[in-house]
């Protein structure tokens, strides 16, 4: 739990937060989203997608807040670039989550 707390408060290095925790979260989100899509199709309802959203959104927000804080606590040229990338990523994340939610709703309506 202390690692999550350190990431949230930006106490981990920028490189570690971005490369290690970011890569792990990306792999987990990709695998989880893929599995949720398959399970939703097999089950014929959107519950797996909603469960994935319920897990993915808070972890992604925690990661992005922690990454922003790490960039603030470890200023460099890279820190500025990371903040720009976060600003660009936020709308894409919101669109992705909205699409997953709507896909889950559609799956429930088709039952």
PDB file of N, CA and C in Angstrom:
ATOM      1  N   UNK A   1       0.819  -1.189   0.000  1.00  0.00           N
ATOM      2  CA  UNK A   1       0.000   0.000   0.000  1.00  0.00           C
ATOM      3  C   UNK A   1       0.864   1.255   0.000  1.00  0.00           C
ATOM      4  N   UNK A   2       2.042   1.183   0.608  1.00  0.00           N
ATOM      5  CA  UNK A   2       2.891   2.369   0.666  1.00  0.00           C
ATOM      6  C   UNK A   2       3.393   2.761  -0.724  1.00  0.00           C
ATOM      7  N   UNK A   3       3.570   1.783  -1.617  1.00  0.00           N
ATOM      8  CA  UNK A   3       3.999   2.109  -2.979  1.00  0.00           C
ATOM      9  C   UNK A   3       2.935   2.925  -3.693  1.00  0.00           C
ATOM     10  N   UNK A   4       1.682   2.528  -3.544  1.00  0.00           N
ATOM     11  CA  UNK A   4       0.586   3.274  -4.167  1.00  0.00           C
ATOM     12  C   UNK A   4       0.530   4.687  -3.596  1.00  0.00           C
ATOM     13  N   UNK A   5       0.710   4.796  -2.301  1.00  0.00           N
ATOM     14  CA  UNK A   5       0.716   6.105  -1.643  1.00  0.00           C
ATOM     15  C   UNK A   5       1.872   6.970  -2.167  1.00  0.00           C
ATOM     16  N   UNK A   6       3.043   6.370  -2.325  1.00  0.00           N
ATOM     17  CA  UNK A   6       4.201   7.106  -2.836  1.00  0.00           C
ATOM     18  C   UNK A   6       3.977   7.553  -4.279  1.00  0.00           C
ATOM     19  N   UNK A   7       3.348   6.704  -5.077  1.00  0.00           N
ATOM     20  CA  UNK A   7       3.037   7.098  -6.456  1.00  0.00           C
ATOM     21  C   UNK A   7       2.033   8.245  -6.444  1.00  0.00           C
ATOM     22  N   UNK A   8       0.987   8.141  -5.651  1.00  0.00           N
ATOM     23  CA  UNK A   8      -0.060   9.171  -5.577  1.00  0.00           C
ATOM     24  C   UNK A   8       0.534  10.537  -5.213  1.00  0.00           C
ATOM     25  N   UNK A   9       1.449  10.551  -4.266  1.00  0.00           N
ATOM     26  CA  UNK A   9       2.034  11.818  -3.821  1.00  0.00           C
ATOM     27  C   UNK A   9       3.247  12.251  -4.643  1.00  0.00           C
ATOM     28  N   UNK A  10       3.582  11.484  -5.674  1.00  0.00           N
ATOM     29  CA  UNK A  10       4.698  11.851  -6.547  1.00  0.00           C
ATOM     30  C   UNK A  10       6.053  11.683  -5.908  1.00  0.00           C
ATOM     31  N   UNK A  11       6.149  10.781  -4.941  1.00  0.00           N
ATOM     32  CA  UNK A  11       7.405  10.586  -4.224  1.00  0.00           C
ATOM     33  C   UNK A  11       8.356   9.622  -4.927  1.00  0.00           C
ATOM     34  N   UNK A  12       7.847   8.867  -5.890  1.00  0.00           N
ATOM     35  CA  UNK A  12       8.707   7.998  -6.689  1.00  0.00           C
ATOM     36  C   UNK A  12       9.325   8.831  -7.799  1.00  0.00           C
ATOM     37  N   UNK A  13      10.447   8.365  -8.327  1.00  0.00           N
ATOM     38  CA  UNK A  13      11.100   9.133  -9.390  1.00  0.00           C
ATOM     39  C   UNK A  13      10.207   9.200 -10.616  1.00  0.00           C
ATOM     40  N   UNK A  14      10.404  10.223 -11.411  1.00  0.00           N
ATOM     41  CA  UNK A  14       9.623  10.398 -12.625  1.00  0.00           C
ATOM     42  C   UNK A  14       9.837   9.223 -13.576  1.00  0.00           C
ATOM     43  N   UNK A  15      11.082   8.799 -13.735  1.00  0.00           N
ATOM     44  CA  UNK A  15      11.380   7.686 -14.640  1.00  0.00           C
ATOM     45  C   UNK A  15      10.698   6.402 -14.173  1.00  0.00           C
ATOM     46  N   UNK A  16      10.769   6.099 -12.882  1.00  0.00           N
ATOM     47  CA  UNK A  16      10.130   4.890 -12.363  1.00  0.00           C
ATOM     48  C   UNK A  16       8.625   4.960 -12.549  1.00  0.00           C
ATOM     49  N   UNK A  17       8.032   6.085 -12.184  1.00  0.00           N
ATOM     50  CA  UNK A  17       6.580   6.224 -12.295  1.00  0.00           C
ATOM     51  C   UNK A  17       6.130   6.087 -13.739  1.00  0.00           C
ATOM     52  N   UNK A  18       6.832   6.749 -14.642  1.00  0.00           N
ATOM     53  CA  UNK A  18       6.429   6.735 -16.043  1.00  0.00           C
ATOM     54  C   UNK A  18       6.672   5.376 -16.692  1.00  0.00           C
ATOM     55  N   UNK A  19       7.896   4.880 -16.584  1.00  0.00           N
ATOM     56  CA  UNK A  19       8.266   3.681 -17.330  1.00  0.00           C
ATOM     57  C   UNK A  19       7.829   2.379 -16.675  1.00  0.00           C
ATOM     58  N   UNK A  20       8.038   2.239 -15.392  1.00  0.00           N
ATOM     59  CA  UNK A  20       7.694   0.963 -14.762  1.00  0.00           C
ATOM     60  C   UNK A  20       6.197   0.887 -14.477  1.00  0.00           C
ATOM     61  N   UNK A  21       5.676   1.819 -13.685  1.00  0.00           N
ATOM     62  CA  UNK A  21       4.279   1.754 -13.296  1.00  0.00           C
ATOM     63  C   UNK A  21       3.363   2.057 -14.472  1.00  0.00           C
ATOM     64  N   UNK A  22       3.775   2.941 -15.352  1.00  0.00           N
ATOM     65  CA  UNK A  22       2.968   3.235 -16.542  1.00  0.00           C
ATOM     66  C   UNK A  22       2.865   2.048 -17.476  1.00  0.00           C
ATOM     67  N   UNK A  23       3.985   1.355 -17.693  1.00  0.00           N
ATOM     68  CA  UNK A  23       3.977   0.170 -18.565  1.00  0.00           C
ATOM     69  C   UNK A  23       3.130  -0.937 -17.939  1.00  0.00           C
ATOM     70  N   UNK A  24       3.299  -1.166 -16.642  1.00  0.00           N
ATOM     71  CA  UNK A  24       2.501  -2.195 -15.969  1.00  0.00           C
ATOM     72  C   UNK A  24       1.008  -1.887 -16.038  1.00  0.00           C
ATOM     73  N   UNK A  25       0.645  -0.629 -15.824  1.00  0.00           N
ATOM     74  CA  UNK A  25      -0.764  -0.244 -15.885  1.00  0.00           C
ATOM     75  C   UNK A  25      -1.307  -0.374 -17.305  1.00  0.00           C
ATOM     76  N   UNK A  26      -0.509  -0.011 -18.292  1.00  0.00           N
ATOM     77  CA  UNK A  26      -0.941  -0.130 -19.687  1.00  0.00           C
ATOM     78  C   UNK A  26      -1.191  -1.594 -20.052  1.00  0.00           C
ATOM     79  N   UNK A  27      -0.282  -2.472 -19.657  1.00  0.00           N
ATOM     80  CA  UNK A  27      -0.455  -3.906 -19.932  1.00  0.00           C
ATOM     81  C   UNK A  27      -1.693  -4.437 -19.214  1.00  0.00           C
ATOM     82  N   UNK A  28      -1.858  -4.055 -17.953  1.00  0.00           N
ATOM     83  CA  UNK A  28      -3.018  -4.511 -17.186  1.00  0.00           C
ATOM     84  C   UNK A  28      -4.321  -3.996 -17.798  1.00  0.00           C
ATOM     85  N   UNK A  29      -4.347  -2.739 -18.214  1.00  0.00           N
ATOM     86  CA  UNK A  29      -5.554  -2.186 -18.820  1.00  0.00           C
ATOM     87  C   UNK A  29      -5.859  -2.844 -20.159  1.00  0.00           C
ATOM     88  N   UNK A  30      -4.834  -3.087 -20.950  1.00  0.00           N
ATOM     89  CA  UNK A  30      -5.049  -3.746 -22.237  1.00  0.00           C
ATOM     90  C   UNK A  30      -5.606  -5.153 -22.032  1.00  0.00           C
ATOM     91  N   UNK A  31      -4.955  -5.927 -21.170  1.00  0.00           N
ATOM     92  CA  UNK A  31      -5.398  -7.303 -20.915  1.00  0.00           C
ATOM     93  C   UNK A  31      -6.785  -7.322 -20.270  1.00  0.00           C
ATOM     94  N   UNK A  32      -6.998  -6.439 -19.307  1.00  0.00           N
ATOM     95  CA  UNK A  32      -8.295  -6.383 -18.624  1.00  0.00           C
ATOM     96  C   UNK A  32      -9.417  -5.960 -19.553  1.00  0.00           C
ATOM     97  N   UNK A  33      -9.151  -4.972 -20.399  1.00  0.00           N
ATOM     98  CA  UNK A  33     -10.163  -4.524 -21.356  1.00  0.00           C
ATOM     99  C   UNK A  33     -10.495  -5.600 -22.372  1.00  0.00           C
ATOM    100  N   UNK A  34      -9.461  -6.292 -22.848  1.00  0.00           N
ATOM    101  CA  UNK A  34      -9.662  -7.379 -23.802  1.00  0.00           C
ATOM    102  C   UNK A  34     -10.486  -8.501 -23.167  1.00  0.00           C
ATOM    103  N   UNK A  35     -10.106  -8.892 -21.955  1.00  0.00           N
ATOM    104  CA  UNK A  35     -10.829  -9.949 -21.241  1.00  0.00           C
ATOM    105  C   UNK A  35     -12.269  -9.524 -20.948  1.00  0.00           C
ATOM    106  N   UNK A  36     -12.461  -8.280 -20.543  1.00  0.00           N
ATOM    107  CA  UNK A  36     -13.811  -7.789 -20.246  1.00  0.00           C
ATOM    108  C   UNK A  36     -14.678  -7.804 -21.499  1.00  0.00           C
ATOM    109  N   UNK A  37     -14.098  -7.433 -22.629  1.00  0.00           N
ATOM    110  CA  UNK A  37     -14.845  -7.475 -23.882  1.00  0.00           C
ATOM    111  C   UNK A  37     -15.253  -8.891 -24.250  1.00  0.00           C
ATOM    112  N   UNK A  38     -14.321  -9.835 -24.108  1.00  0.00           N
ATOM    113  CA  UNK A  38     -14.630 -11.231 -24.413  1.00  0.00           C
ATOM    114  C   UNK A  38     -15.689 -11.784 -23.452  1.00  0.00           C
ATOM    115  N   UNK A  39     -15.536 -11.492 -22.174  1.00  0.00           N
ATOM    116  CA  UNK A  39     -16.496 -11.982 -21.190  1.00  0.00           C
ATOM    117  C   UNK A  39     -17.873 -11.362 -21.382  1.00  0.00           C
ATOM    118  N   UNK A  40     -17.913 -10.091 -21.744  1.00  0.00           N
ATOM    119  CA  UNK A  40     -19.201  -9.439 -22.003  1.00  0.00           C
ATOM    120  C   UNK A  40     -19.896 -10.075 -23.192  1.00  0.00           C
ATOM    121  N   UNK A  41     -19.126 -10.351 -24.248  1.00  0.00           N
ATOM    122  CA  UNK A  41     -19.705 -10.996 -25.431  1.00  0.00           C
ATOM    123  C   UNK A  41     -20.200 -12.401 -25.096  1.00  0.00           C
ATOM    124  N   UNK A  42     -19.419 -13.149 -24.314  1.00  0.00           N
ATOM    125  CA  UNK A  42     -19.795 -14.516 -23.960  1.00  0.00           C
ATOM    126  C   UNK A  42     -21.002 -14.542 -23.022  1.00  0.00           C
ATOM    127  N   UNK A  43     -21.023 -13.611 -22.068  1.00  0.00           N
ATOM    128  CA  UNK A  43     -22.113 -13.585 -21.090  1.00  0.00           C
ATOM    129  C   UNK A  43     -23.364 -12.921 -21.650  1.00  0.00           C
ATOM    130  N   UNK A  44     -23.189 -12.114 -22.675  1.00  0.00           N
ATOM    131  CA  UNK A  44     -24.343 -11.438 -23.259  1.00  0.00           C
ATOM    132  C   UNK A  44     -24.819 -10.252 -22.446  1.00  0.00           C
ATOM    133  N   UNK A  45     -23.947  -9.739 -21.565  1.00  0.00           N
ATOM    134  CA  UNK A  45     -24.301  -8.529 -20.821  1.00  0.00           C
ATOM    135  C   UNK A  45     -23.053  -7.686 -20.591  1.00  0.00           C
ATOM    136  N   UNK A  46     -23.251  -6.489 -20.116  1.00  0.00           N
ATOM    137  CA  UNK A  46     -22.149  -5.554 -19.964  1.00  0.00           C
ATOM    138  C   UNK A  46     -21.479  -5.553 -18.605  1.00  0.00           C
ATOM    139  N   UNK A  47     -21.863  -6.479 -17.718  1.00  0.00           N
ATOM    140  CA  UNK A  47     -21.288  -6.459 -16.376  1.00  0.00           C
ATOM    141  C   UNK A  47     -19.759  -6.509 -16.367  1.00  0.00           C
ATOM    142  N   UNK A  48     -19.113  -7.385 -17.154  1.00  0.00           N
ATOM    143  CA  UNK A  48     -17.644  -7.389 -17.141  1.00  0.00           C
ATOM    144  C   UNK A  48     -17.034  -6.050 -17.576  1.00  0.00           C
ATOM    145  N   UNK A  49     -17.682  -5.373 -18.516  1.00  0.00           N
ATOM    146  CA  UNK A  49     -17.170  -4.060 -18.940  1.00  0.00           C
ATOM    147  C   UNK A  49     -17.313  -3.041 -17.817  1.00  0.00           C
ATOM    148  N   UNK A  50     -18.447  -3.076 -17.123  1.00  0.00           N
ATOM    149  CA  UNK A  50     -18.641  -2.143 -16.010  1.00  0.00           C
ATOM    150  C   UNK A  50     -17.654  -2.415 -14.882  1.00  0.00           C
ATOM    151  N   UNK A  51     -17.378  -3.685 -14.634  1.00  0.00           N
ATOM    152  CA  UNK A  51     -16.393  -4.042 -13.617  1.00  0.00           C
ATOM    153  C   UNK A  51     -15.008  -3.544 -14.021  1.00  0.00           C
ATOM    154  N   UNK A  52     -14.665  -3.718 -15.279  1.00  0.00           N
ATOM    155  CA  UNK A  52     -13.383  -3.224 -15.772  1.00  0.00           C
ATOM    156  C   UNK A  52     -13.288  -1.707 -15.625  1.00  0.00           C
ATOM    157  N   UNK A  53     -14.345  -1.000 -15.984  1.00  0.00           N
ATOM    158  CA  UNK A  53     -14.359   0.465 -15.846  1.00  0.00           C
ATOM    159  C   UNK A  53     -14.187   0.852 -14.380  1.00  0.00           C
ATOM    160  N   UNK A  54     -14.879   0.148 -13.486  1.00  0.00           N
ATOM    161  CA  UNK A  54     -14.811   0.459 -12.048  1.00  0.00           C
ATOM    162  C   UNK A  54     -13.406   0.277 -11.493  1.00  0.00           C
ATOM    163  N   UNK A  55     -12.632  -0.607 -12.094  1.00  0.00           N
ATOM    164  CA  UNK A  55     -11.250  -0.817 -11.654  1.00  0.00           C
ATOM    165  C   UNK A  55     -10.285   0.092 -12.414  1.00  0.00           C
ATOM    166  N   UNK A  56     -10.490   0.219 -13.692  1.00  0.00           N
ATOM    167  CA  UNK A  56      -9.566   0.951 -14.565  1.00  0.00           C
ATOM    168  C   UNK A  56      -9.556   2.462 -14.310  1.00  0.00           C
ATOM    169  N   UNK A  57     -10.731   3.045 -14.135  1.00  0.00           N
ATOM    170  CA  UNK A  57     -10.800   4.504 -13.980  1.00  0.00           C
ATOM    171  C   UNK A  57     -10.040   4.981 -12.739  1.00  0.00           C
ATOM    172  N   UNK A  58     -10.303   4.429 -11.541  1.00  0.00           N
ATOM    173  CA  UNK A  58      -9.564   4.914 -10.372  1.00  0.00           C
ATOM    174  C   UNK A  58      -8.055   4.667 -10.448  1.00  0.00           C
ATOM    175  N   UNK A  59      -7.659   3.496 -10.976  1.00  0.00           N
ATOM    176  CA  UNK A  59      -6.223   3.229 -11.063  1.00  0.00           C
ATOM    177  C   UNK A  59      -5.551   4.158 -12.067  1.00  0.00           C
ATOM    178  N   UNK A  60      -6.211   4.437 -13.166  1.00  0.00           N
ATOM    179  CA  UNK A  60      -5.639   5.345 -14.166  1.00  0.00           C
ATOM    180  C   UNK A  60      -5.555   6.773 -13.640  1.00  0.00           C
ATOM    181  N   UNK A  61      -6.581   7.199 -12.920  1.00  0.00           N
ATOM    182  CA  UNK A  61      -6.559   8.541 -12.334  1.00  0.00           C
ATOM    183  C   UNK A  61      -5.449   8.638 -11.297  1.00  0.00           C
ATOM    184  N   UNK A  62      -5.333   7.624 -10.449  1.00  0.00           N
ATOM    185  CA  UNK A  62      -4.268   7.595  -9.443  1.00  0.00           C
ATOM    186  C   UNK A  62      -2.899   7.691 -10.112  1.00  0.00           C
ATOM    187  N   UNK A  63      -2.717   6.919 -11.179  1.00  0.00           N
ATOM    188  CA  UNK A  63      -1.442   6.933 -11.886  1.00  0.00           C
ATOM    189  C   UNK A  63      -1.168   8.307 -12.501  1.00  0.00           C
ATOM    190  N   UNK A  64      -2.143   8.888 -13.162  1.00  0.00           N
ATOM    191  CA  UNK A  64      -1.906  10.169 -13.828  1.00  0.00           C
ATOM    192  C   UNK A  64      -1.688  11.302 -12.832  1.00  0.00           C
ATOM    193  N   UNK A  65      -2.409  11.286 -11.718  1.00  0.00           N
ATOM    194  CA  UNK A  65      -2.173  12.293 -10.672  1.00  0.00           C
ATOM    195  C   UNK A  65      -0.766  12.115 -10.100  1.00  0.00           C
ATOM    196  N   UNK A  66      -0.402  10.871  -9.822  1.00  0.00           N
ATOM    197  CA  UNK A  66       0.936  10.597  -9.296  1.00  0.00           C
ATOM    198  C   UNK A  66       2.035  10.967 -10.272  1.00  0.00           C
ATOM    199  N   UNK A  67       1.795  10.704 -11.548  1.00  0.00           N
ATOM    200  CA  UNK A  67       2.772  11.067 -12.574  1.00  0.00           C
ATOM    201  C   UNK A  67       2.924  12.582 -12.661  1.00  0.00           C
ATOM    202  N   UNK A  68       1.819  13.300 -12.609  1.00  0.00           N
ATOM    203  CA  UNK A  68       1.859  14.770 -12.631  1.00  0.00           C
ATOM    204  C   UNK A  68       2.635  15.298 -11.422  1.00  0.00           C
ATOM    205  N   UNK A  69       2.330  14.750 -10.257  1.00  0.00           N
ATOM    206  CA  UNK A  69       3.021  15.193  -9.033  1.00  0.00           C
ATOM    207  C   UNK A  69       4.501  14.831  -9.069  1.00  0.00           C
ATOM    208  N   UNK A  70       4.823  13.670  -9.619  1.00  0.00           N
ATOM    209  CA  UNK A  70       6.223  13.280  -9.743  1.00  0.00           C
ATOM    210  C   UNK A  70       6.951  14.236 -10.674  1.00  0.00           C
ATOM    211  N   UNK A  71       6.292  14.631 -11.756  1.00  0.00           N
ATOM    212  CA  UNK A  71       6.894  15.598 -12.682  1.00  0.00           C
ATOM    213  C   UNK A  71       7.093  16.951 -11.996  1.00  0.00           C
ATOM    214  N   UNK A  72       6.174  17.307 -11.106  1.00  0.00           N
ATOM    215  CA  UNK A  72       6.311  18.567 -10.368  1.00  0.00           C
ATOM    216  C   UNK A  72       7.450  18.469  -9.348  1.00  0.00           C
ATOM    217  N   UNK A  73       7.570  17.314  -8.701  1.00  0.00           N
ATOM    218  CA  UNK A  73       8.597  17.128  -7.671  1.00  0.00           C
ATOM    219  C   UNK A  73       9.983  16.881  -8.243  1.00  0.00           C
ATOM    220  N   UNK A  74      10.072  16.495  -9.505  1.00  0.00           N
ATOM    221  CA  UNK A  74      11.347  16.201 -10.147  1.00  0.00           C
ATOM    222  C   UNK A  74      11.439  17.005 -11.447  1.00  0.00           C
ATOM    223  N   UNK A  75      11.540  18.333 -11.327  1.00  0.00           N
ATOM    224  CA  UNK A  75      11.490  19.182 -12.523  1.00  0.00           C
ATOM    225  C   UNK A  75      12.665  18.927 -13.473  1.00  0.00           C
ATOM    226  N   UNK A  76      12.338  18.877 -14.751  1.00  0.00           N
ATOM    227  CA  UNK A  76      13.327  18.729 -15.816  1.00  0.00           C
ATOM    228  C   UNK A  76      12.596  18.969 -17.130  1.00  0.00           C
ATOM    229  N   UNK A  77      13.327  18.892 -18.215  1.00  0.00           N
ATOM    230  CA  UNK A  77      12.688  18.984 -19.520  1.00  0.00           C
ATOM    231  C   UNK A  77      11.720  17.835 -19.732  1.00  0.00           C
ATOM    232  N   UNK A  78      12.077  16.664 -19.203  1.00  0.00           N
ATOM    233  CA  UNK A  78      11.202  15.505 -19.322  1.00  0.00           C
ATOM    234  C   UNK A  78       9.909  15.719 -18.550  1.00  0.00           C
ATOM    235  N   UNK A  79      10.000  16.381 -17.419  1.00  0.00           N
ATOM    236  CA  UNK A  79       8.813  16.630 -16.599  1.00  0.00           C
ATOM    237  C   UNK A  79       7.798  17.468 -17.368  1.00  0.00           C
ATOM    238  N   UNK A  80       8.281  18.457 -18.092  1.00  0.00           N
ATOM    239  CA  UNK A  80       7.390  19.290 -18.898  1.00  0.00           C
ATOM    240  C   UNK A  80       6.726  18.457 -19.987  1.00  0.00           C
ATOM    241  N   UNK A  81       7.504  17.613 -20.644  1.00  0.00           N
ATOM    242  CA  UNK A  81       6.959  16.751 -21.688  1.00  0.00           C
ATOM    243  C   UNK A  81       5.911  15.796 -21.115  1.00  0.00           C
ATOM    244  N   UNK A  82       6.177  15.229 -19.949  1.00  0.00           N
ATOM    245  CA  UNK A  82       5.230  14.314 -19.313  1.00  0.00           C
ATOM    246  C   UNK A  82       3.914  15.029 -19.015  1.00  0.00           C
ATOM    247  N   UNK A  83       3.981  16.260 -18.521  1.00  0.00           N
ATOM    248  CA  UNK A  83       2.755  17.008 -18.235  1.00  0.00           C
ATOM    249  C   UNK A  83       1.964  17.286 -19.505  1.00  0.00           C
ATOM    250  N   UNK A  84       2.649  17.595 -20.588  1.00  0.00           N
ATOM    251  CA  UNK A  84       1.971  17.806 -21.875  1.00  0.00           C
ATOM    252  C   UNK A  84       1.284  16.514 -22.314  1.00  0.00           C
ATOM    253  N   UNK A  85       1.976  15.385 -22.174  1.00  0.00           N
ATOM    254  CA  UNK A  85       1.393  14.103 -22.558  1.00  0.00           C
ATOM    255  C   UNK A  85       0.169  13.755 -21.708  1.00  0.00           C
ATOM    256  N   UNK A  86       0.194  14.106 -20.433  1.00  0.00           N
ATOM    257  CA  UNK A  86      -0.957  13.857 -19.568  1.00  0.00           C
ATOM    258  C   UNK A  86      -2.142  14.693 -20.029  1.00  0.00           C
ATOM    259  N   UNK A  87      -1.904  15.956 -20.329  1.00  0.00           N
ATOM    260  CA  UNK A  87      -2.983  16.834 -20.799  1.00  0.00           C
ATOM    261  C   UNK A  87      -3.588  16.287 -22.096  1.00  0.00           C
ATOM    262  N   UNK A  88      -2.755  15.742 -22.961  1.00  0.00           N
ATOM    263  CA  UNK A  88      -3.248  15.159 -24.214  1.00  0.00           C
ATOM    264  C   UNK A  88      -4.008  13.860 -23.937  1.00  0.00           C
ATOM    265  N   UNK A  89      -3.546  13.066 -22.987  1.00  0.00           N
ATOM    266  CA  UNK A  89      -4.135  11.750 -22.723  1.00  0.00           C
ATOM    267  C   UNK A  89      -5.500  11.813 -22.044  1.00  0.00           C
ATOM    268  N   UNK A  90      -5.744  12.818 -21.239  1.00  0.00           N
ATOM    269  CA  UNK A  90      -6.991  12.879 -20.464  1.00  0.00           C
ATOM    270  C   UNK A  90      -8.235  12.816 -21.354  1.00  0.00           C
ATOM    271  N   UNK A  91      -8.352  13.625 -22.410  1.00  0.00           N
ATOM    272  CA  UNK A  91      -9.559  13.513 -23.242  1.00  0.00           C
ATOM    273  C   UNK A  91      -9.706  12.138 -23.902  1.00  0.00           C
ATOM    274  N   UNK A  92      -8.588  11.543 -24.301  1.00  0.00           N
ATOM    275  CA  UNK A  92      -8.651  10.212 -24.904  1.00  0.00           C
ATOM    276  C   UNK A  92      -9.146   9.179 -23.894  1.00  0.00           C
ATOM    277  N   UNK A  93      -8.681   9.289 -22.656  1.00  0.00           N
ATOM    278  CA  UNK A  93      -9.154   8.380 -21.605  1.00  0.00           C
ATOM    279  C   UNK A  93     -10.653   8.546 -21.383  1.00  0.00           C
ATOM    280  N   UNK A  94     -11.120   9.778 -21.313  1.00  0.00           N
ATOM    281  CA  UNK A  94     -12.548  10.026 -21.089  1.00  0.00           C
ATOM    282  C   UNK A  94     -13.387   9.446 -22.223  1.00  0.00           C
ATOM    283  N   UNK A  95     -12.935   9.611 -23.446  1.00  0.00           N
ATOM    284  CA  UNK A  95     -13.660   9.066 -24.605  1.00  0.00           C
ATOM    285  C   UNK A  95     -13.669   7.536 -24.548  1.00  0.00           C
ATOM    286  N   UNK A  96     -12.536   6.945 -24.220  1.00  0.00           N
ATOM    287  CA  UNK A  96     -12.459   5.481 -24.135  1.00  0.00           C
ATOM    288  C   UNK A  96     -13.398   4.945 -23.066  1.00  0.00           C
ATOM    289  N   UNK A  97     -13.385   5.561 -21.889  1.00  0.00           N
ATOM    290  CA  UNK A  97     -14.264   5.106 -20.809  1.00  0.00           C
ATOM    291  C   UNK A  97     -15.728   5.284 -21.187  1.00  0.00           C
ATOM    292  N   UNK A  98     -16.068   6.389 -21.837  1.00  0.00           N
ATOM    293  CA  UNK A  98     -17.447   6.615 -22.269  1.00  0.00           C
ATOM    294  C   UNK A  98     -17.866   5.555 -23.290  1.00  0.00           C
ATOM    295  N   UNK A  99     -16.990   5.238 -24.233  1.00  0.00           N
ATOM    296  CA  UNK A  99     -17.310   4.206 -25.222  1.00  0.00           C
ATOM    297  C   UNK A  99     -17.500   2.839 -24.571  1.00  0.00           C
ATOM    298  N   UNK A 100     -16.644   2.500 -23.623  1.00  0.00           N
ATOM    299  CA  UNK A 100     -16.809   1.228 -22.917  1.00  0.00           C
ATOM    300  C   UNK A 100     -18.129   1.186 -22.155  1.00  0.00           C
ATOM    301  N   UNK A 101     -18.463   2.287 -21.519  1.00  0.00           N
ATOM    302  CA  UNK A 101     -19.724   2.366 -20.770  1.00  0.00           C
ATOM    303  C   UNK A 101     -20.912   2.193 -21.708  1.00  0.00           C
ATOM    304  N   UNK A 102     -20.889   2.894 -22.838  1.00  0.00           N
ATOM    305  CA  UNK A 102     -21.991   2.788 -23.800  1.00  0.00           C
ATOM    306  C   UNK A 102     -22.074   1.390 -24.405  1.00  0.00           C
ATOM    307  N   UNK A 103     -20.920   0.770 -24.632  1.00  0.00           N
ATOM    308  CA  UNK A 103     -20.908  -0.609 -25.126  1.00  0.00           C
ATOM    309  C   UNK A 103     -21.533  -1.543 -24.097  1.00  0.00           C
ATOM    310  N   UNK A 104     -21.213  -1.342 -22.834  1.00  0.00           N
ATOM    311  CA  UNK A 104     -21.812  -2.141 -21.770  1.00  0.00           C
ATOM    312  C   UNK A 104     -23.317  -1.942 -21.683  1.00  0.00           C
ATOM    313  N   UNK A 105     -23.769  -0.695 -21.825  1.00  0.00           N
ATOM    314  CA  UNK A 105     -25.216  -0.428 -21.814  1.00  0.00           C
ATOM    315  C   UNK A 105     -25.897  -1.120 -22.983  1.00  0.00           C
ATOM    316  N   UNK A 106     -25.261  -1.048 -24.152  1.00  0.00           N
ATOM    317  CA  UNK A 106     -25.825  -1.677 -25.338  1.00  0.00           C
ATOM    318  C   UNK A 106     -25.952  -3.186 -25.136  1.00  0.00           C
ATOM    319  N   UNK A 107     -24.955  -3.782 -24.487  1.00  0.00           N
ATOM    320  CA  UNK A 107     -24.995  -5.221 -24.238  1.00  0.00           C
ATOM    321  C   UNK A 107     -26.156  -5.576 -23.317  1.00  0.00           C
ATOM    322  N   UNK A 108     -26.442  -4.727 -22.329  1.00  0.00           N
ATOM    323  CA  UNK A 108     -27.571  -5.005 -21.432  1.00  0.00           C
ATOM    324  C   UNK A 108     -28.907  -4.854 -22.160  1.00  0.00           C
ATOM    325  N   UNK A 109     -28.996  -3.880 -23.045  1.00  0.00           N
ATOM    326  CA  UNK A 109     -30.240  -3.654 -23.775  1.00  0.00           C
ATOM    327  C   UNK A 109     -30.565  -4.773 -24.759  1.00  0.00           C
ATOM    328  N   UNK A 110     -29.513  -5.463 -25.223  1.00  0.00           N
ATOM    329  CA  UNK A 110     -29.725  -6.520 -26.203  1.00  0.00           C
ATOM    330  C   UNK A 110     -30.170  -7.827 -25.561  1.00  0.00           C
ATOM    331  N   UNK A 111     -30.182  -7.878 -24.226  1.00  0.00           N
ATOM    332  CA  UNK A 111     -30.563  -9.115 -23.524  1.00  0.00           C
ATOM    333  C   UNK A 111     -32.062  -9.260 -23.535  1.00  0.00           C
TER     334      UNK A 111
END
